[in-house]
Amino acid sequence: MEDESYLQGVKKKRPDQEQKAIQIQAWWRGTLVRRTLLHAALRACVIQHWWKVTMTKLLEDKRRAALEFYAQQERAVVKLQSLVRMWRIRLRYCHLLHAVRIIQVYWRWHNSHSRGFFQGTYDLTATHLGLELDISLGSQMCRIADCIPFPIKN
């Protein structure tokens, strides 16, 4: 019986030591789990930060591409509008130039018929000057032909 009482005392002491050992093991396992969770959380934070930066860069690239496309379209529209305005102004200028040329033709014809003009030829030799002149005054025409001798001095 004495052995039994000894064994019972040992049994009573062992559960107390085992309880402490179990508490130490639980603390250590908890520390390992918390360390693992901390490392996993830090890695997740790093991955999330990288993902945010990547998404921000992609969004910025998309915005820049959209802005460049918009600017290119605006430049094309402005260029097209400029060309259309230039074409319309040039067309108007050509119409005005045609009208001016018609007016000039009629004005020159009117002036030549109302004011008159001289036209003629001459023949110059050592002894005389031969002239043929056509004078036009409106609807009248006058033709003069004359030969003028030079005085010869000896």
C-alpha atoms as a PDB file:
ATOM      1  CA  MET A   1       0.000   0.000   0.000  1.00  0.00           C
ATOM      2  CA  GLU A   2       2.813   2.151   0.648  1.00  0.00           C
ATOM      3  CA  ASP A   3       3.752   1.740  -2.897  1.00  0.00           C
ATOM      4  CA  GLU A   4       0.306   2.750  -3.871  1.00  0.00           C
ATOM      5  CA  SER A   5       0.434   5.857  -1.761  1.00  0.00           C
ATOM      6  CA  TYR A   6       3.802   6.667  -3.257  1.00  0.00           C
ATOM      7  CA  LEU A   7       2.429   6.121  -6.679  1.00  0.00           C
ATOM      8  CA  GLN A   8      -0.575   8.252  -5.891  1.00  0.00           C
ATOM      9  CA  GLY A   9       1.712  11.040  -4.667  1.00  0.00           C
ATOM     10  CA  VAL A  10       3.750  10.773  -7.806  1.00  0.00           C
ATOM     11  CA  LYS A  11       0.579  10.754  -9.840  1.00  0.00           C
ATOM     12  CA  LYS A  12      -0.587  13.829  -8.078  1.00  0.00           C
ATOM     13  CA  LYS A  13       2.724  15.578  -8.669  1.00  0.00           C
ATOM     14  CA  ARG A  14       2.949  14.518 -12.286  1.00  0.00           C
ATOM     15  CA  PRO A  15      -0.284  16.049 -13.363  1.00  0.00           C
ATOM     16  CA  ASP A  16       0.873  19.385 -11.964  1.00  0.00           C
ATOM     17  CA  GLN A  17       4.180  19.161 -13.873  1.00  0.00           C
ATOM     18  CA  GLU A  18       2.411  17.892 -16.955  1.00  0.00           C
ATOM     19  CA  GLN A  19      -0.016  20.787 -16.692  1.00  0.00           C
ATOM     20  CA  LYS A  20       2.895  23.231 -16.627  1.00  0.00           C
ATOM     21  CA  ALA A  21       4.580  21.440 -19.525  1.00  0.00           C
ATOM     22  CA  ILE A  22       1.327  21.557 -21.470  1.00  0.00           C
ATOM     23  CA  GLN A  23       1.024  25.291 -20.763  1.00  0.00           C
ATOM     24  CA  ILE A  24       4.612  25.906 -21.946  1.00  0.00           C
ATOM     25  CA  GLN A  25       3.989  23.837 -25.105  1.00  0.00           C
ATOM     26  CA  ALA A  26       0.742  25.682 -25.765  1.00  0.00           C
ATOM     27  CA  TRP A  27       2.492  29.019 -25.306  1.00  0.00           C
ATOM     28  CA  TRP A  28       5.254  27.956 -27.695  1.00  0.00           C
ATOM     29  CA  ARG A  29       2.808  26.644 -30.303  1.00  0.00           C
ATOM     30  CA  GLY A  30       0.814  29.896 -29.980  1.00  0.00           C
ATOM     31  CA  THR A  31       4.004  31.917 -30.432  1.00  0.00           C
ATOM     32  CA  LEU A  32       4.872  29.901 -33.563  1.00  0.00           C
ATOM     33  CA  VAL A  33       1.348  30.305 -34.943  1.00  0.00           C
ATOM     34  CA  ARG A  34       1.344  34.055 -34.198  1.00  0.00           C
ATOM     35  CA  ARG A  35       4.792  34.399 -35.838  1.00  0.00           C
ATOM     36  CA  THR A  36       3.557  32.472 -38.892  1.00  0.00           C
ATOM     37  CA  LEU A  37       0.402  34.585 -39.032  1.00  0.00           C
ATOM     38  CA  LEU A  38       2.469  37.765 -38.669  1.00  0.00           C
ATOM     39  CA  HIS A  39       4.759  36.703 -41.537  1.00  0.00           C
ATOM     40  CA  ALA A  40       1.721  35.793 -43.653  1.00  0.00           C
ATOM     41  CA  ALA A  41       0.083  39.145 -42.833  1.00  0.00           C
ATOM     42  CA  LEU A  42       3.274  41.024 -43.734  1.00  0.00           C
ATOM     43  CA  ARG A  43       3.539  39.129 -47.019  1.00  0.00           C
ATOM     44  CA  ALA A  44      -0.120  39.873 -47.720  1.00  0.00           C
ATOM     45  CA  CYS A  45       0.510  43.575 -47.027  1.00  0.00           C
ATOM     46  CA  VAL A  46       3.491  43.545 -49.414  1.00  0.00           C
ATOM     47  CA  ILE A  47       1.434  41.799 -52.097  1.00  0.00           C
ATOM     48  CA  GLN A  48      -1.501  44.188 -51.601  1.00  0.00           C
ATOM     49  CA  HIS A  49       0.811  47.208 -51.828  1.00  0.00           C
ATOM     50  CA  TRP A  50       2.388  45.838 -55.015  1.00  0.00           C
ATOM     51  CA  TRP A  51      -1.089  45.182 -56.451  1.00  0.00           C
ATOM     52  CA  LYS A  52      -2.268  48.705 -55.622  1.00  0.00           C
ATOM     53  CA  VAL A  53       0.836  50.223 -57.223  1.00  0.00           C
ATOM     54  CA  THR A  54       0.406  48.013 -60.309  1.00  0.00           C
ATOM     55  CA  MET A  55      -3.282  48.896 -60.640  1.00  0.00           C
ATOM     56  CA  THR A  56      -2.490  52.592 -60.168  1.00  0.00           C
ATOM     57  CA  LYS A  57       0.141  52.415 -62.925  1.00  0.00           C
ATOM     58  CA  LEU A  58      -2.254  50.583 -65.242  1.00  0.00           C
ATOM     59  CA  LEU A  59      -4.988  53.114 -64.560  1.00  0.00           C
ATOM     60  CA  GLU A  60      -2.559  55.973 -65.137  1.00  0.00           C
ATOM     61  CA  ASP A  61      -1.382  54.388 -68.401  1.00  0.00           C
ATOM     62  CA  LYS A  62      -5.007  53.972 -69.525  1.00  0.00           C
ATOM     63  CA  ARG A  63      -5.769  57.588 -68.630  1.00  0.00           C
ATOM     64  CA  ARG A  64      -2.658  58.805 -70.454  1.00  0.00           C
ATOM     65  CA  ALA A  65      -3.542  56.722 -73.522  1.00  0.00           C
ATOM     66  CA  ALA A  66      -7.114  58.050 -73.445  1.00  0.00           C
ATOM     67  CA  LEU A  67      -5.832  61.621 -73.097  1.00  0.00           C
ATOM     68  CA  GLU A  68      -3.363  61.166 -75.965  1.00  0.00           C
ATOM     69  CA  PHE A  69      -6.117  59.673 -78.127  1.00  0.00           C
ATOM     70  CA  TYR A  70      -8.421  62.578 -77.259  1.00  0.00           C
ATOM     71  CA  ALA A  71      -5.670  65.104 -78.013  1.00  0.00           C
ATOM     72  CA  GLN A  72      -4.934  63.390 -81.323  1.00  0.00           C
ATOM     73  CA  GLN A  73      -8.623  63.484 -82.250  1.00  0.00           C
ATOM     74  CA  GLU A  74      -8.839  67.157 -81.254  1.00  0.00           C
ATOM     75  CA  ARG A  75      -5.789  67.975 -83.394  1.00  0.00           C
ATOM     76  CA  ALA A  76      -7.329  66.075 -86.319  1.00  0.00           C
ATOM     77  CA  VAL A  77     -10.647  67.897 -85.912  1.00  0.00           C
ATOM     78  CA  VAL A  78      -8.928  71.288 -85.708  1.00  0.00           C
ATOM     79  CA  LYS A  79      -6.815  70.456 -88.768  1.00  0.00           C
ATOM     80  CA  LEU A  80      -9.890  69.326 -90.700  1.00  0.00           C
ATOM     81  CA  GLN A  81     -11.818  72.447 -89.715  1.00  0.00           C
ATOM     82  CA  SER A  82      -8.858  74.589 -90.747  1.00  0.00           C
ATOM     83  CA  LEU A  83      -8.640  72.854 -94.125  1.00  0.00           C
ATOM     84  CA  VAL A  84     -12.385  73.243 -94.729  1.00  0.00           C
ATOM     85  CA  ARG A  85     -12.244  76.945 -93.793  1.00  0.00           C
ATOM     86  CA  MET A  86      -9.217  77.406 -96.052  1.00  0.00           C
ATOM     87  CA  TRP A  87     -10.980  75.585 -98.907  1.00  0.00           C
ATOM     88  CA  ARG A  88     -14.117  77.738 -98.523  1.00  0.00           C
ATOM     89  CA  ILE A  89     -12.089  80.964 -98.380  1.00  0.00           C
ATOM     90  CA  ARG A  90     -10.036  79.878-101.386  1.00  0.00           C
ATOM     91  CA  LEU A  91     -13.213  79.038-103.300  1.00  0.00           C
ATOM     92  CA  ARG A  92     -14.662  82.447-102.447  1.00  0.00           C
ATOM     93  CA  TYR A  93     -11.372  84.106-103.433  1.00  0.00           C
ATOM     94  CA  CYS A  94     -11.406  82.264-106.789  1.00  0.00           C
ATOM     95  CA  HIS A  95     -14.990  83.392-107.433  1.00  0.00           C
ATOM     96  CA  LEU A  96     -14.040  86.982-106.595  1.00  0.00           C
ATOM     97  CA  LEU A  97     -10.912  86.756-108.745  1.00  0.00           C
ATOM     98  CA  HIS A  98     -12.991  85.477-111.664  1.00  0.00           C
ATOM     99  CA  ALA A  99     -15.457  88.348-111.193  1.00  0.00           C
ATOM    100  CA  VAL A 100     -12.580  90.859-111.038  1.00  0.00           C
ATOM    101  CA  ARG A 101     -11.103  89.481-114.266  1.00  0.00           C
ATOM    102  CA  ILE A 102     -14.475  89.758-116.014  1.00  0.00           C
ATOM    103  CA  ILE A 103     -14.838  93.358-114.809  1.00  0.00           C
ATOM    104  CA  GLN A 104     -11.263  94.140-115.931  1.00  0.00           C
ATOM    105  CA  VAL A 105     -11.873  92.681-119.385  1.00  0.00           C
ATOM    106  CA  TYR A 106     -15.010  94.763-119.853  1.00  0.00           C
ATOM    107  CA  TRP A 107     -13.330  97.865-118.442  1.00  0.00           C
ATOM    108  CA  ARG A 108     -10.307  97.493-120.707  1.00  0.00           C
ATOM    109  CA  TRP A 109     -12.525  96.900-123.716  1.00  0.00           C
ATOM    110  CA  HIS A 110     -14.577  99.988-122.801  1.00  0.00           C
ATOM    111  CA  ASN A 111     -11.447 102.115-122.315  1.00  0.00           C
ATOM    112  CA  SER A 112      -9.883 100.976-125.551  1.00  0.00           C
ATOM    113  CA  HIS A 113     -13.051 101.802-127.461  1.00  0.00           C
ATOM    114  CA  SER A 114     -13.857 105.060-125.751  1.00  0.00           C
ATOM    115  CA  ARG A 115     -10.388 106.591-125.393  1.00  0.00           C
ATOM    116  CA  GLY A 116      -8.792 105.332-128.509  1.00  0.00           C
ATOM    117  CA  PHE A 117      -5.318 104.038-129.168  1.00  0.00           C
ATOM    118  CA  PHE A 118      -2.386 104.399-131.523  1.00  0.00           C
ATOM    119  CA  GLN A 119      -0.895 101.576-133.468  1.00  0.00           C
ATOM    120  CA  GLY A 120       1.599 101.758-136.248  1.00  0.00           C
ATOM    121  CA  THR A 121       4.874 100.934-137.900  1.00  0.00           C
ATOM    122  CA  TYR A 122       7.780 102.960-139.187  1.00  0.00           C
ATOM    123  CA  ASP A 123      10.563 102.528-141.729  1.00  0.00           C
ATOM    124  CA  LEU A 124      13.754 104.507-141.209  1.00  0.00           C
ATOM    125  CA  THR A 125      16.317 104.819-143.979  1.00  0.00           C
ATOM    126  CA  ALA A 126      19.188 107.216-144.567  1.00  0.00           C
ATOM    127  CA  THR A 127      17.093 109.542-146.687  1.00  0.00           C
ATOM    128  CA  HIS A 128      13.569 109.394-145.351  1.00  0.00           C
ATOM    129  CA  LEU A 129      11.190 108.253-142.527  1.00  0.00           C
ATOM    130  CA  GLY A 130       8.160 106.212-143.546  1.00  0.00           C
ATOM    131  CA  LEU A 131       5.177 106.095-141.129  1.00  0.00           C
ATOM    132  CA  GLU A 132       1.957 104.134-141.101  1.00  0.00           C
ATOM    133  CA  LEU A 133      -0.291 104.980-138.139  1.00  0.00           C
ATOM    134  CA  ASP A 134      -3.691 103.618-137.205  1.00  0.00           C
ATOM    135  CA  ILE A 135      -5.574 105.853-134.764  1.00  0.00           C
ATOM    136  CA  SER A 136      -8.716 104.472-133.197  1.00  0.00           C
ATOM    137  CA  LEU A 137     -11.171 106.757-131.394  1.00  0.00           C
ATOM    138  CA  GLY A 138     -14.138 104.734-130.278  1.00  0.00           C
ATOM    139  CA  SER A 139     -15.922 103.446-133.368  1.00  0.00           C
ATOM    140  CA  GLN A 140     -13.910 105.697-135.751  1.00  0.00           C
ATOM    141  CA  MET A 141     -10.631 104.617-137.272  1.00  0.00           C
ATOM    142  CA  CYS A 142      -8.114 106.835-139.035  1.00  0.00           C
ATOM    143  CA  ARG A 143      -5.139 105.555-141.044  1.00  0.00           C
ATOM    144  CA  ILE A 144      -2.222 107.826-141.830  1.00  0.00           C
ATOM    145  CA  ALA A 145       0.618 106.889-144.145  1.00  0.00           C
ATOM    146  CA  ASP A 146       3.336 109.424-144.861  1.00  0.00           C
ATOM    147  CA  CYS A 147       6.915 109.542-146.050  1.00  0.00           C
ATOM    148  CA  ILE A 148       9.057 112.346-144.658  1.00  0.00           C
ATOM    149  CA  PRO A 149      12.333 113.109-146.492  1.00  0.00           C
ATOM    150  CA  PHE A 150      15.395 114.201-144.551  1.00  0.00           C
ATOM    151  CA  PRO A 151      17.128 117.419-145.605  1.00  0.00           C
ATOM    152  CA  ILE A 152      20.505 116.555-146.964  1.00  0.00           C
ATOM    153  CA  LYS A 153      23.279 119.090-146.466  1.00  0.00           C
ATOM    154  CA  ASN A 154      26.286 119.070-148.656  1.00  0.00           C
END
